Amino acid sequence: MERAARFLAENWLFLVTLVAIASAYVFLRSSPTALADEAAFDAVLANGRPTIVELYSNY
């Protein structure tokens, strides 16, 4: 138990940084939206709400 307490005391900043990065990833990542076709995409863009379009390419 003393060894674990010493490890936490010596590495608290690293552990806090690691938890902050992991939390940011979980809460800020984007998830894919299942749109059936181009008409559904156009409907989402025209619904009057702000929409973010994120494009991805392997090239």
C-alpha atoms as a PDB file:
ATOM      1  CA  MET A   1       0.000   0.000   0.000  1.00  0.00           C
ATOM      2  CA  GLU A   2       2.840   2.355   0.795  1.00  0.00           C
ATOM      3  CA  ARG A   3       4.398   1.641  -2.584  1.00  0.00           C
ATOM      4  CA  ALA A   4       1.159   2.602  -4.406  1.00  0.00           C
ATOM      5  CA  ALA A   5       0.845   5.817  -2.378  1.00  0.00           C
ATOM      6  CA  ARG A   6       4.438   6.748  -3.221  1.00  0.00           C
ATOM      7  CA  PHE A   7       3.813   6.030  -6.924  1.00  0.00           C
ATOM      8  CA  LEU A   8       0.727   8.298  -6.903  1.00  0.00           C
ATOM      9  CA  ALA A   9       2.606  11.050  -5.074  1.00  0.00           C
ATOM     10  CA  GLU A  10       5.490  10.947  -7.547  1.00  0.00           C
ATOM     11  CA  ASN A  11       3.393  10.686 -10.727  1.00  0.00           C
ATOM     12  CA  TRP A  12       0.225  12.658  -9.976  1.00  0.00           C
ATOM     13  CA  LEU A  13       0.765  15.210 -12.764  1.00  0.00           C
ATOM     14  CA  PHE A  14       1.291  12.512 -15.393  1.00  0.00           C
ATOM     15  CA  LEU A  15      -1.815  10.639 -14.219  1.00  0.00           C
ATOM     16  CA  VAL A  16      -3.969  13.794 -14.248  1.00  0.00           C
ATOM     17  CA  THR A  17      -2.754  14.586 -17.772  1.00  0.00           C
ATOM     18  CA  LEU A  18      -3.492  11.051 -18.919  1.00  0.00           C
ATOM     19  CA  VAL A  19      -7.025  11.170 -17.477  1.00  0.00           C
ATOM     20  CA  ALA A  20      -7.623  14.590 -19.085  1.00  0.00           C
ATOM     21  CA  ILE A  21      -6.548  13.346 -22.521  1.00  0.00           C
ATOM     22  CA  ALA A  22      -8.682  10.204 -22.232  1.00  0.00           C
ATOM     23  CA  SER A  23     -11.689  12.245 -21.078  1.00  0.00           C
ATOM     24  CA  ALA A  24     -11.290  14.701 -23.941  1.00  0.00           C
ATOM     25  CA  TYR A  25     -11.191  11.825 -26.418  1.00  0.00           C
ATOM     26  CA  VAL A  26     -14.351  10.226 -25.023  1.00  0.00           C
ATOM     27  CA  PHE A  27     -16.371  13.434 -24.798  1.00  0.00           C
ATOM     28  CA  LEU A  28     -15.169  15.266 -27.933  1.00  0.00           C
ATOM     29  CA  ARG A  29     -14.987  12.511 -30.539  1.00  0.00           C
ATOM     30  CA  SER A  30     -17.489  12.502 -33.364  1.00  0.00           C
ATOM     31  CA  SER A  31     -19.635   9.512 -34.130  1.00  0.00           C
ATOM     32  CA  PRO A  32     -20.790   8.545 -37.619  1.00  0.00           C
ATOM     33  CA  THR A  33     -24.342   9.286 -38.698  1.00  0.00           C
ATOM     34  CA  ALA A  34     -26.150   6.624 -40.668  1.00  0.00           C
ATOM     35  CA  LEU A  35     -27.662   8.417 -43.648  1.00  0.00           C
ATOM     36  CA  ALA A  36     -29.308   6.175 -46.207  1.00  0.00           C
ATOM     37  CA  ASP A  37     -28.702   8.273 -49.315  1.00  0.00           C
ATOM     38  CA  GLU A  38     -28.004  11.730 -50.710  1.00  0.00           C
ATOM     39  CA  ALA A  39     -31.621  12.822 -50.178  1.00  0.00           C
ATOM     40  CA  ALA A  40     -31.340  12.124 -46.442  1.00  0.00           C
ATOM     41  CA  PHE A  41     -28.099  14.134 -46.342  1.00  0.00           C
ATOM     42  CA  ASP A  42     -29.778  17.054 -48.111  1.00  0.00           C
ATOM     43  CA  ALA A  43     -32.702  16.861 -45.672  1.00  0.00           C
ATOM     44  CA  VAL A  44     -30.337  17.085 -42.696  1.00  0.00           C
ATOM     45  CA  LEU A  45     -28.630  20.133 -44.215  1.00  0.00           C
ATOM     46  CA  ALA A  46     -31.932  21.860 -44.942  1.00  0.00           C
ATOM     47  CA  ASN A  47     -33.655  21.249 -41.585  1.00  0.00           C
ATOM     48  CA  GLY A  48     -32.759  24.683 -40.203  1.00  0.00           C
ATOM     49  CA  ARG A  49     -30.360  23.511 -37.483  1.00  0.00           C
ATOM     50  CA  PRO A  50     -26.607  24.146 -37.585  1.00  0.00           C
ATOM     51  CA  THR A  51     -24.808  21.097 -38.996  1.00  0.00           C
ATOM     52  CA  ILE A  52     -21.136  20.182 -39.070  1.00  0.00           C
ATOM     53  CA  VAL A  53     -19.984  18.186 -42.084  1.00  0.00           C
ATOM     54  CA  GLU A  54     -16.744  16.288 -41.572  1.00  0.00           C
ATOM     55  CA  LEU A  55     -15.058  14.695 -44.570  1.00  0.00           C
ATOM     56  CA  TYR A  56     -12.498  11.887 -44.423  1.00  0.00           C
ATOM     57  CA  SER A  57     -10.338  10.420 -47.126  1.00  0.00           C
ATOM     58  CA  ASN A  58      -7.605   7.780 -47.124  1.00  0.00           C
ATOM     59  CA  TYR A  59      -5.748   9.601 -49.898  1.00  0.00           C
END
